[in-house]
């Protein structure tokens, strides 16, 4: 217990030590300048979200706020990220300093003349061209430094297509573009770089990143872990269940599976190792639980708000649609860690390590208030997502000041750190938002969006399943290495519209690409959440990734199911929804038993195959495929026979 009670202090020392190490690695000027620029970016997003400037009588365009944040982002990227990659930057070379100044300066000039551009874009086209000629290459290079070559290559292909797409053969042939006008408009207008993706990120996602930073600085991540220990610690495999609960709760807010692994994994992975889980399993459980937080309502790593905006639906429709799939995801993880514990005789946590539930609630009950504020602001006051997020974040700081976690209240320095770190952490996603806006503009102007729809329609004409498989593979490839909001934004821009035009339910299409984009976090060869967890557990990265794929298997299956049967995302009658959810839950439990090889006792190889097959049959949508009801019935009968046989066998062994 003493070890756990000192977790916060230890965490604070770790955070401070990590900060000092970063300062030595990056250089004092790099750290201080990027933190100041990051704080400015956050403050612009915060004040714009609550329309403070409008209340004070200033009349600004939203695009001017976006340009300001984009210019600050360019400066942060060129100061912080070296040309050759990595984070070791003791000083800033002259050429990067020049890029930072030029990017910020061009953005400042655009802010100054943006009103004239809105009034008469034709007369301002010359200036628009030169500003775009500066900002677009800088954005390309900033994307390369933050997201890597894979995403930069995607953008490069789209830009090249904008100029030569009219020469492409067949269905890929696009409309010919005037180069001068295209460049002028891509970097300046609100239907390109300054379009909806960047607006959503600056006005909504940044606020949730700030909320996550405040929760980190006030001790909420430790309280989530303590709460999970108090609730789950007494059951078999309690240490793993603690990781699942704590990482799921915090991951819903953090918006980054990797950040979630880094913040909660330092506590949960050693707990699992001490309990008896091997290195690769401990790392995989943490990675899968952290990734799942991004699909768990009510926040979903801010993806829920992005989806509501892009689909022009009520926020409640999105979280209700996400509810059953996220429950199935965590049910699969829970069942597997529980059966793994039973199979390997992993005991519950020692009693002295389990904090009393009443004490845990007394120490941190107030961390539930920001959630209550968020839900009340969204559902009762009907506030916009960004304003609701602002007041929820403010409530995190207020409850820390009023109550304090373990007698520690947030200090001005920590508040400043949360604002500065939010801006620094937002830089990569702001760049990706700008990139998504450019891709949307090119898809629309060249007709490539319609061409992609026709190509997908040609593939799906013979087999919808093949179309979904190809879409899943593309989503995993495009999602590699990006934060949740960025993954979803990119895929919702490029792929989801084509699926919708082919007749797939809009929410199902967007949820499908979100799920498979997120699975890039645990799918080798670039499973960055699994690799981050492996570095903490000491396991081999690829082994950890393979184990994570097995633990998160349901996330590769359930999107196909809710595309074919939207009842799982709340689209249908009450009977259809309850029936689909019930059979899916039974199927998840039975199939997970087959994967682990344990039910009430160890299963033989043949039994494992039959049990897994029975679970998959139960997951098949009854009313969407031929003989679906009969296949469900066959799965239920087969699973029931094996469950009954295994249960009776265990009873006989117990008697003997």
Foldseek 3Di string as FASTA:
>chain_A
DVVLVCVVVVLVVVVVVVVVVLCQQAAVVLVVLLLVLLLVLLVLLLCVLVVVCVVVPDDADLLLSLLQLLLSLLLNLLSQFDLVEDGRHRGHDPVSNVLSCQSNVLSVVCRVCVVVCVVPVVVCLVVLLVSLVSNVVSLLSSLCHQVNDLLSVVLVVLVVCQQCQCVDDDLSRWDHDDVSNLSSDQRRDQLHLVHDLLSCCSNFLLLLQLLLLLCLLQCVLSLLLLLQLQVQQQAQLSLLSSLLRSLLVSLLRNLFLQVSCVRNVLPSLVSNVVLPDALLLSLLSNSLSNLLSLLADDCSSVVLLVLCVVVVHQSVLLNLLSHLLSVLQSLLLVLLSNQLRVAVVRGGHPPVVRDHNVVSCVQPVQLCVLVVQLCCCCPVVVRRNSVSSSVSSVSSLVCQQVRGHVPHRDDPVSSSVSSSVSSSVSSNSSSLSSSLSNSLVSCVNTVSLVSVLVVLCVVCVVPVVVSLVVLLVVLLSNLFPDGLSSSLSNCVRRPLVSVVVNPFDSSLSSVSSSLSSSLNCLAPPRNVSSQSSCVSSVHDSVSSSVSSCLSSVSSVPVSVQCRLPVLSSVPDDPVLVVQLSVLLSVLSSQLSCLSSQHDPHGHDPVSSVQSNCLSVLSNHRQPRDPNSVVSNVVSVVSNVVSNVVVVVVVVVVVVD
